[in-house]
Amino acid sequence: MAELSEILPKVKEMLVERLFLDVKPQEIADEENLVDRFGIDSVRIFEVVVGLEEQFGVDFADEDFSVERFSTARSIAEIVIAKNG
């Protein structure tokens, strides 16, 4: 099973690439609220989900979608780990 320390940097890289963020992945704090800092909304969360499915081979059900669950890089990484568990 993958560790948080392995997944988190990959999640941050994917966020920067998928959402065209004007920051370096390492500039995103683990617990930083992505909605507050980058204005991530439900449409952009869908783009994140597509990226997670492609990069990590995880699947998401409709009930997995919520802004709260995708609010930080750490929470996203934890979802990936749980889905791969």
PDB file of N, CA and C in Angstrom:
ATOM      1  N   MET A   1       0.839  -1.181   0.000  1.00  0.00           N
ATOM      2  CA  MET A   1       0.000   0.000   0.000  1.00  0.00           C
ATOM      3  C   MET A   1       0.889   1.252   0.000  1.00  0.00           C
ATOM      4  N   ALA A   2       0.525   2.202  -0.770  1.00  0.00           N
ATOM      5  CA  ALA A   2       1.292   3.435  -0.894  1.00  0.00           C
ATOM      6  C   ALA A   2       1.190   4.264   0.383  1.00  0.00           C
ATOM      7  N   GLU A   3       2.256   4.967   0.657  1.00  0.00           N
ATOM      8  CA  GLU A   3       2.325   5.847   1.817  1.00  0.00           C
ATOM      9  C   GLU A   3       1.903   7.259   1.436  1.00  0.00           C
ATOM     10  N   LEU A   4       1.420   7.990   2.418  1.00  0.00           N
ATOM     11  CA  LEU A   4       1.039   9.385   2.214  1.00  0.00           C
ATOM     12  C   LEU A   4       2.214  10.199   1.667  1.00  0.00           C
ATOM     13  N   SER A   5       3.413   9.922   2.169  1.00  0.00           N
ATOM     14  CA  SER A   5       4.597  10.671   1.731  1.00  0.00           C
ATOM     15  C   SER A   5       4.925  10.427   0.260  1.00  0.00           C
ATOM     16  N   GLU A   6       4.481   9.301  -0.291  1.00  0.00           N
ATOM     17  CA  GLU A   6       4.672   9.013  -1.719  1.00  0.00           C
ATOM     18  C   GLU A   6       3.580   9.656  -2.565  1.00  0.00           C
ATOM     19  N   ILE A   7       2.352   9.577  -2.105  1.00  0.00           N
ATOM     20  CA  ILE A   7       1.187   9.998  -2.879  1.00  0.00           C
ATOM     21  C   ILE A   7       1.023  11.521  -2.881  1.00  0.00           C
ATOM     22  N   LEU A   8       1.259  12.159  -1.759  1.00  0.00           N
ATOM     23  CA  LEU A   8       1.010  13.596  -1.616  1.00  0.00           C
ATOM     24  C   LEU A   8       1.750  14.447  -2.656  1.00  0.00           C
ATOM     25  N   PRO A   9       3.055  14.243  -2.877  1.00  0.00           N
ATOM     26  CA  PRO A   9       3.724  15.049  -3.913  1.00  0.00           C
ATOM     27  C   PRO A   9       3.147  14.817  -5.313  1.00  0.00           C
ATOM     28  N   LYS A  10       2.744  13.600  -5.594  1.00  0.00           N
ATOM     29  CA  LYS A  10       2.151  13.285  -6.902  1.00  0.00           C
ATOM     30  C   LYS A  10       0.795  13.968  -7.060  1.00  0.00           C
ATOM     31  N   VAL A  11       0.022  14.006  -5.977  1.00  0.00           N
ATOM     32  CA  VAL A  11      -1.272  14.691  -6.004  1.00  0.00           C
ATOM     33  C   VAL A  11      -1.062  16.184  -6.264  1.00  0.00           C
ATOM     34  N   LYS A  12      -0.093  16.770  -5.589  1.00  0.00           N
ATOM     35  CA  LYS A  12       0.179  18.199  -5.775  1.00  0.00           C
ATOM     36  C   LYS A  12       0.608  18.493  -7.213  1.00  0.00           C
ATOM     37  N   GLU A  13       1.455  17.644  -7.790  1.00  0.00           N
ATOM     38  CA  GLU A  13       1.872  17.821  -9.180  1.00  0.00           C
ATOM     39  C   GLU A  13       0.677  17.740 -10.113  1.00  0.00           C
ATOM     40  N   MET A  14      -0.184  16.768  -9.876  1.00  0.00           N
ATOM     41  CA  MET A  14      -1.371  16.597 -10.710  1.00  0.00           C
ATOM     42  C   MET A  14      -2.299  17.803 -10.585  1.00  0.00           C
ATOM     43  N   LEU A  15      -2.462  18.343  -9.378  1.00  0.00           N
ATOM     44  CA  LEU A  15      -3.305  19.526  -9.178  1.00  0.00           C
ATOM     45  C   LEU A  15      -2.787  20.702  -9.993  1.00  0.00           C
ATOM     46  N   VAL A  16      -1.488  20.936  -9.933  1.00  0.00           N
ATOM     47  CA  VAL A  16      -0.888  22.054 -10.671  1.00  0.00           C
ATOM     48  C   VAL A  16      -1.089  21.871 -12.173  1.00  0.00           C
ATOM     49  N   GLU A  17      -0.841  20.649 -12.659  1.00  0.00           N
ATOM     50  CA  GLU A  17      -0.963  20.378 -14.094  1.00  0.00           C
ATOM     51  C   GLU A  17      -2.417  20.439 -14.570  1.00  0.00           C
ATOM     52  N   ARG A  18      -3.303  19.765 -13.893  1.00  0.00           N
ATOM     53  CA  ARG A  18      -4.704  19.664 -14.319  1.00  0.00           C
ATOM     54  C   ARG A  18      -5.461  20.980 -14.210  1.00  0.00           C
ATOM     55  N   LEU A  19      -5.126  21.751 -13.182  1.00  0.00           N
ATOM     56  CA  LEU A  19      -5.874  22.980 -12.919  1.00  0.00           C
ATOM     57  C   LEU A  19      -5.127  24.223 -13.395  1.00  0.00           C
ATOM     58  N   PHE A  20      -3.988  24.003 -14.040  1.00  0.00           N
ATOM     59  CA  PHE A  20      -3.186  25.106 -14.575  1.00  0.00           C
ATOM     60  C   PHE A  20      -2.899  26.154 -13.499  1.00  0.00           C
ATOM     61  N   LEU A  21      -2.499  25.673 -12.326  1.00  0.00           N
ATOM     62  CA  LEU A  21      -2.215  26.570 -11.210  1.00  0.00           C
ATOM     63  C   LEU A  21      -0.860  27.227 -11.415  1.00  0.00           C
ATOM     64  N   ASP A  22      -0.768  28.484 -11.063  1.00  0.00           N
ATOM     65  CA  ASP A  22       0.458  29.250 -11.245  1.00  0.00           C
ATOM     66  C   ASP A  22       1.322  29.192  -9.984  1.00  0.00           C
ATOM     67  N   VAL A  23       1.564  27.983  -9.509  1.00  0.00           N
ATOM     68  CA  VAL A  23       2.424  27.738  -8.352  1.00  0.00           C
ATOM     69  C   VAL A  23       3.204  26.456  -8.611  1.00  0.00           C
ATOM     70  N   LYS A  24       4.249  26.259  -7.837  1.00  0.00           N
ATOM     71  CA  LYS A  24       4.988  25.000  -7.887  1.00  0.00           C
ATOM     72  C   LYS A  24       4.284  24.026  -6.946  1.00  0.00           C
ATOM     73  N   PRO A  25       4.293  22.741  -7.281  1.00  0.00           N
ATOM     74  CA  PRO A  25       3.610  21.769  -6.408  1.00  0.00           C
ATOM     75  C   PRO A  25       4.025  21.871  -4.943  1.00  0.00           C
ATOM     76  N   GLN A  26       5.308  22.083  -4.687  1.00  0.00           N
ATOM     77  CA  GLN A  26       5.778  22.145  -3.308  1.00  0.00           C
ATOM     78  C   GLN A  26       5.319  23.399  -2.567  1.00  0.00           C
ATOM     79  N   GLU A  27       4.734  24.367  -3.295  1.00  0.00           N
ATOM     80  CA  GLU A  27       4.209  25.578  -2.656  1.00  0.00           C
ATOM     81  C   GLU A  27       2.787  25.377  -2.123  1.00  0.00           C
ATOM     82  N   ILE A  28       2.190  24.243  -2.416  1.00  0.00           N
ATOM     83  CA  ILE A  28       0.854  23.938  -1.896  1.00  0.00           C
ATOM     84  C   ILE A  28       1.029  23.216  -0.561  1.00  0.00           C
ATOM     85  N   ALA A  29       0.561  23.834   0.508  1.00  0.00           N
ATOM     86  CA  ALA A  29       0.656  23.209   1.831  1.00  0.00           C
ATOM     87  C   ALA A  29      -0.310  22.023   1.898  1.00  0.00           C
ATOM     88  N   ASP A  30       0.080  21.015   2.655  1.00  0.00           N
ATOM     89  CA  ASP A  30      -0.717  19.780   2.744  1.00  0.00           C
ATOM     90  C   ASP A  30      -2.160  20.042   3.160  1.00  0.00           C
ATOM     91  N   GLU A  31      -2.340  20.949   4.129  1.00  0.00           N
ATOM     92  CA  GLU A  31      -3.665  21.212   4.699  1.00  0.00           C
ATOM     93  C   GLU A  31      -4.296  22.508   4.179  1.00  0.00           C
ATOM     94  N   GLU A  32      -3.662  23.132   3.204  1.00  0.00           N
ATOM     95  CA  GLU A  32      -4.182  24.395   2.672  1.00  0.00           C
ATOM     96  C   GLU A  32      -5.510  24.175   1.954  1.00  0.00           C
ATOM     97  N   ASN A  33      -6.457  25.031   2.222  1.00  0.00           N
ATOM     98  CA  ASN A  33      -7.777  24.903   1.604  1.00  0.00           C
ATOM     99  C   ASN A  33      -7.696  25.339   0.137  1.00  0.00           C
ATOM    100  N   LEU A  34      -7.888  24.376  -0.746  1.00  0.00           N
ATOM    101  CA  LEU A  34      -7.763  24.620  -2.182  1.00  0.00           C
ATOM    102  C   LEU A  34      -8.885  25.500  -2.720  1.00  0.00           C
ATOM    103  N   VAL A  35     -10.039  25.434  -2.089  1.00  0.00           N
ATOM    104  CA  VAL A  35     -11.168  26.275  -2.496  1.00  0.00           C
ATOM    105  C   VAL A  35     -10.843  27.734  -2.208  1.00  0.00           C
ATOM    106  N   ASP A  36     -10.334  27.989  -1.011  1.00  0.00           N
ATOM    107  CA  ASP A  36     -10.015  29.365  -0.627  1.00  0.00           C
ATOM    108  C   ASP A  36      -8.866  29.942  -1.446  1.00  0.00           C
ATOM    109  N   ARG A  37      -7.829  29.165  -1.634  1.00  0.00           N
ATOM    110  CA  ARG A  37      -6.639  29.708  -2.313  1.00  0.00           C
ATOM    111  C   ARG A  37      -6.782  29.758  -3.827  1.00  0.00           C
ATOM    112  N   PHE A  38      -7.379  28.705  -4.412  1.00  0.00           N
ATOM    113  CA  PHE A  38      -7.403  28.604  -5.870  1.00  0.00           C
ATOM    114  C   PHE A  38      -8.802  28.673  -6.479  1.00  0.00           C
ATOM    115  N   GLY A  39      -9.818  28.814  -5.635  1.00  0.00           N
ATOM    116  CA  GLY A  39     -11.176  28.910  -6.154  1.00  0.00           C
ATOM    117  C   GLY A  39     -11.678  27.632  -6.801  1.00  0.00           C
ATOM    118  N   ILE A  40     -11.224  26.496  -6.292  1.00  0.00           N
ATOM    119  CA  ILE A  40     -11.637  25.225  -6.874  1.00  0.00           C
ATOM    120  C   ILE A  40     -13.109  24.993  -6.571  1.00  0.00           C
ATOM    121  N   ASP A  41     -13.868  24.738  -7.630  1.00  0.00           N
ATOM    122  CA  ASP A  41     -15.300  24.489  -7.501  1.00  0.00           C
ATOM    123  C   ASP A  41     -15.609  23.082  -7.994  1.00  0.00           C
ATOM    124  N   SER A  42     -16.884  22.742  -8.059  1.00  0.00           N
ATOM    125  CA  SER A  42     -17.280  21.379  -8.435  1.00  0.00           C
ATOM    126  C   SER A  42     -16.837  21.009  -9.844  1.00  0.00           C
ATOM    127  N   VAL A  43     -16.808  21.968 -10.753  1.00  0.00           N
ATOM    128  CA  VAL A  43     -16.362  21.687 -12.119  1.00  0.00           C
ATOM    129  C   VAL A  43     -14.877  21.334 -12.121  1.00  0.00           C
ATOM    130  N   ARG A  44     -14.097  22.071 -11.371  1.00  0.00           N
ATOM    131  CA  ARG A  44     -12.656  21.809 -11.302  1.00  0.00           C
ATOM    132  C   ARG A  44     -12.371  20.535 -10.515  1.00  0.00           C
ATOM    133  N   ILE A  45     -13.226  20.209  -9.561  1.00  0.00           N
ATOM    134  CA  ILE A  45     -13.059  18.948  -8.837  1.00  0.00           C
ATOM    135  C   ILE A  45     -13.226  17.779  -9.794  1.00  0.00           C
ATOM    136  N   PHE A  46     -14.154  17.896 -10.723  1.00  0.00           N
ATOM    137  CA  PHE A  46     -14.331  16.834 -11.719  1.00  0.00           C
ATOM    138  C   PHE A  46     -13.035  16.637 -12.497  1.00  0.00           C
ATOM    139  N   GLU A  47     -12.367  17.694 -12.852  1.00  0.00           N
ATOM    140  CA  GLU A  47     -11.085  17.600 -13.559  1.00  0.00           C
ATOM    141  C   GLU A  47     -10.038  16.911 -12.682  1.00  0.00           C
ATOM    142  N   VAL A  48     -10.041  17.207 -11.399  1.00  0.00           N
ATOM    143  CA  VAL A  48      -9.138  16.542 -10.457  1.00  0.00           C
ATOM    144  C   VAL A  48      -9.436  15.048 -10.410  1.00  0.00           C
ATOM    145  N   VAL A  49     -10.706  14.698 -10.340  1.00  0.00           N
ATOM    146  CA  VAL A  49     -11.104  13.290 -10.285  1.00  0.00           C
ATOM    147  C   VAL A  49     -10.632  12.541 -11.529  1.00  0.00           C
ATOM    148  N   VAL A  50     -10.808  13.144 -12.692  1.00  0.00           N
ATOM    149  CA  VAL A  50     -10.341  12.520 -13.931  1.00  0.00           C
ATOM    150  C   VAL A  50      -8.828  12.285 -13.849  1.00  0.00           C
ATOM    151  N   GLY A  51      -8.106  13.262 -13.358  1.00  0.00           N
ATOM    152  CA  GLY A  51      -6.663  13.119 -13.201  1.00  0.00           C
ATOM    153  C   GLY A  51      -6.294  12.008 -12.232  1.00  0.00           C
ATOM    154  N   LEU A  52      -7.014  11.910 -11.121  1.00  0.00           N
ATOM    155  CA  LEU A  52      -6.759  10.848 -10.141  1.00  0.00           C
ATOM    156  C   LEU A  52      -7.036   9.475 -10.741  1.00  0.00           C
ATOM    157  N   GLU A  53      -8.127   9.371 -11.478  1.00  0.00           N
ATOM    158  CA  GLU A  53      -8.466   8.092 -12.107  1.00  0.00           C
ATOM    159  C   GLU A  53      -7.385   7.669 -13.095  1.00  0.00           C
ATOM    160  N   GLU A  54      -6.894   8.625 -13.883  1.00  0.00           N
ATOM    161  CA  GLU A  54      -5.862   8.318 -14.871  1.00  0.00           C
ATOM    162  C   GLU A  54      -4.518   8.007 -14.211  1.00  0.00           C
ATOM    163  N   GLN A  55      -4.103   8.823 -13.268  1.00  0.00           N
ATOM    164  CA  GLN A  55      -2.780   8.675 -12.684  1.00  0.00           C
ATOM    165  C   GLN A  55      -2.674   7.533 -11.691  1.00  0.00           C
ATOM    166  N   PHE A  56      -3.719   7.333 -10.896  1.00  0.00           N
ATOM    167  CA  PHE A  56      -3.637   6.354  -9.817  1.00  0.00           C
ATOM    168  C   PHE A  56      -4.508   5.119 -10.041  1.00  0.00           C
ATOM    169  N   GLY A  57      -5.288   5.103 -11.106  1.00  0.00           N
ATOM    170  CA  GLY A  57      -6.117   3.941 -11.408  1.00  0.00           C
ATOM    171  C   GLY A  57      -7.228   3.706 -10.405  1.00  0.00           C
ATOM    172  N   VAL A  58      -7.756   4.774  -9.827  1.00  0.00           N
ATOM    173  CA  VAL A  58      -8.862   4.645  -8.872  1.00  0.00           C
ATOM    174  C   VAL A  58     -10.166   5.055  -9.547  1.00  0.00           C
ATOM    175  N   ASP A  59     -11.261   4.535  -9.033  1.00  0.00           N
ATOM    176  CA  ASP A  59     -12.586   4.867  -9.553  1.00  0.00           C
ATOM    177  C   ASP A  59     -13.373   5.594  -8.476  1.00  0.00           C
ATOM    178  N   PHE A  60     -14.203   6.505  -8.933  1.00  0.00           N
ATOM    179  CA  PHE A  60     -15.035   7.278  -8.015  1.00  0.00           C
ATOM    180  C   PHE A  60     -16.503   7.085  -8.343  1.00  0.00           C
ATOM    181  N   ALA A  61     -17.306   6.943  -7.285  1.00  0.00           N
ATOM    182  CA  ALA A  61     -18.757   6.877  -7.426  1.00  0.00           C
ATOM    183  C   ALA A  61     -19.328   8.274  -7.203  1.00  0.00           C
ATOM    184  N   ASP A  62     -20.570   8.462  -7.584  1.00  0.00           N
ATOM    185  CA  ASP A  62     -21.206   9.771  -7.431  1.00  0.00           C
ATOM    186  C   ASP A  62     -21.145  10.290  -5.993  1.00  0.00           C
ATOM    187  N   GLU A  63     -21.291   9.388  -5.031  1.00  0.00           N
ATOM    188  CA  GLU A  63     -21.298   9.820  -3.633  1.00  0.00           C
ATOM    189  C   GLU A  63     -19.914  10.254  -3.142  1.00  0.00           C
ATOM    190  N   ASP A  64     -18.876   9.986  -3.923  1.00  0.00           N
ATOM    191  CA  ASP A  64     -17.527  10.419  -3.555  1.00  0.00           C
ATOM    192  C   ASP A  64     -17.292  11.902  -3.805  1.00  0.00           C
ATOM    193  N   PHE A  65     -18.142  12.513  -4.602  1.00  0.00           N
ATOM    194  CA  PHE A  65     -17.931  13.897  -5.000  1.00  0.00           C
ATOM    195  C   PHE A  65     -18.462  14.869  -3.957  1.00  0.00           C
ATOM    196  N   SER A  66     -17.557  15.656  -3.405  1.00  0.00           N
ATOM    197  CA  SER A  66     -17.946  16.772  -2.551  1.00  0.00           C
ATOM    198  C   SER A  66     -16.756  17.710  -2.446  1.00  0.00           C
ATOM    199  N   VAL A  67     -17.038  18.983  -2.386  1.00  0.00           N
ATOM    200  CA  VAL A  67     -15.976  19.972  -2.276  1.00  0.00           C
ATOM    201  C   VAL A  67     -15.187  19.731  -0.982  1.00  0.00           C
ATOM    202  N   GLU A  68     -15.868  19.332   0.079  1.00  0.00           N
ATOM    203  CA  GLU A  68     -15.205  19.106   1.357  1.00  0.00           C
ATOM    204  C   GLU A  68     -14.181  17.987   1.273  1.00  0.00           C
ATOM    205  N   ARG A  69     -14.523  16.901   0.613  1.00  0.00           N
ATOM    206  CA  ARG A  69     -13.603  15.761   0.505  1.00  0.00           C
ATOM    207  C   ARG A  69     -12.372  16.100  -0.322  1.00  0.00           C
ATOM    208  N   PHE A  70     -12.492  17.071  -1.207  1.00  0.00           N
ATOM    209  CA  PHE A  70     -11.399  17.451  -2.093  1.00  0.00           C
ATOM    210  C   PHE A  70     -10.842  18.830  -1.733  1.00  0.00           C
ATOM    211  N   SER A  71     -10.949  19.201  -0.462  1.00  0.00           N
ATOM    212  CA  SER A  71     -10.603  20.565  -0.064  1.00  0.00           C
ATOM    213  C   SER A  71      -9.113  20.797   0.166  1.00  0.00           C
ATOM    214  N   THR A  72      -8.342  19.737   0.438  1.00  0.00           N
ATOM    215  CA  THR A  72      -6.895  19.901   0.648  1.00  0.00           C
ATOM    216  C   THR A  72      -6.140  18.825  -0.132  1.00  0.00           C
ATOM    217  N   ALA A  73      -4.868  19.090  -0.381  1.00  0.00           N
ATOM    218  CA  ALA A  73      -4.034  18.085  -1.058  1.00  0.00           C
ATOM    219  C   ALA A  73      -3.962  16.821  -0.202  1.00  0.00           C
ATOM    220  N   ARG A  74      -3.870  16.992   1.099  1.00  0.00           N
ATOM    221  CA  ARG A  74      -3.793  15.831   1.986  1.00  0.00           C
ATOM    222  C   ARG A  74      -5.073  14.997   1.933  1.00  0.00           C
ATOM    223  N   SER A  75      -6.225  15.653   1.950  1.00  0.00           N
ATOM    224  CA  SER A  75      -7.485  14.889   1.912  1.00  0.00           C
ATOM    225  C   SER A  75      -7.618  14.131   0.590  1.00  0.00           C
ATOM    226  N   ILE A  76      -7.146  14.722  -0.492  1.00  0.00           N
ATOM    227  CA  ILE A  76      -7.180  14.048  -1.795  1.00  0.00           C
ATOM    228  C   ILE A  76      -6.243  12.846  -1.774  1.00  0.00           C
ATOM    229  N   ALA A  77      -5.049  13.018  -1.236  1.00  0.00           N
ATOM    230  CA  ALA A  77      -4.095  11.907  -1.140  1.00  0.00           C
ATOM    231  C   ALA A  77      -4.652  10.782  -0.281  1.00  0.00           C
ATOM    232  N   GLU A  78      -5.334  11.129   0.808  1.00  0.00           N
ATOM    233  CA  GLU A  78      -5.934  10.114   1.671  1.00  0.00           C
ATOM    234  C   GLU A  78      -7.038   9.347   0.958  1.00  0.00           C
ATOM    235  N   ILE A  79      -7.791  10.017   0.093  1.00  0.00           N
ATOM    236  CA  ILE A  79      -8.815   9.335  -0.702  1.00  0.00           C
ATOM    237  C   ILE A  79      -8.151   8.328  -1.637  1.00  0.00           C
ATOM    238  N   VAL A  80      -7.065   8.737  -2.286  1.00  0.00           N
ATOM    239  CA  VAL A  80      -6.349   7.830  -3.196  1.00  0.00           C
ATOM    240  C   VAL A  80      -5.860   6.607  -2.441  1.00  0.00           C
ATOM    241  N   ILE A  81      -5.271   6.811  -1.270  1.00  0.00           N
ATOM    242  CA  ILE A  81      -4.765   5.698  -0.479  1.00  0.00           C
ATOM    243  C   ILE A  81      -5.899   4.761  -0.070  1.00  0.00           C
ATOM    244  N   ALA A  82      -7.025   5.321   0.361  1.00  0.00           N
ATOM    245  CA  ALA A  82      -8.169   4.499   0.758  1.00  0.00           C
ATOM    246  C   ALA A  82      -8.725   3.704  -0.428  1.00  0.00           C
ATOM    247  N   LYS A  83      -8.762   4.337  -1.596  1.00  0.00           N
ATOM    248  CA  LYS A  83      -9.288   3.654  -2.792  1.00  0.00           C
ATOM    249  C   LYS A  83      -8.348   2.544  -3.255  1.00  0.00           C
ATOM    250  N   ASN A  84      -7.048   2.708  -3.009  1.00  0.00           N
ATOM    251  CA  ASN A  84      -6.077   1.690  -3.392  1.00  0.00           C
ATOM    252  C   ASN A  84      -5.882   0.634  -2.324  1.00  0.00           C
ATOM    253  N   GLY A  85      -6.476   0.880  -1.125  1.00  0.00           N
ATOM    254  CA  GLY A  85      -6.283   0.006   0.021  1.00  0.00           C
ATOM    255  C   GLY A  85      -6.680  -1.378  -0.233  1.00  0.00           C
TER     256      GLY A  85
END
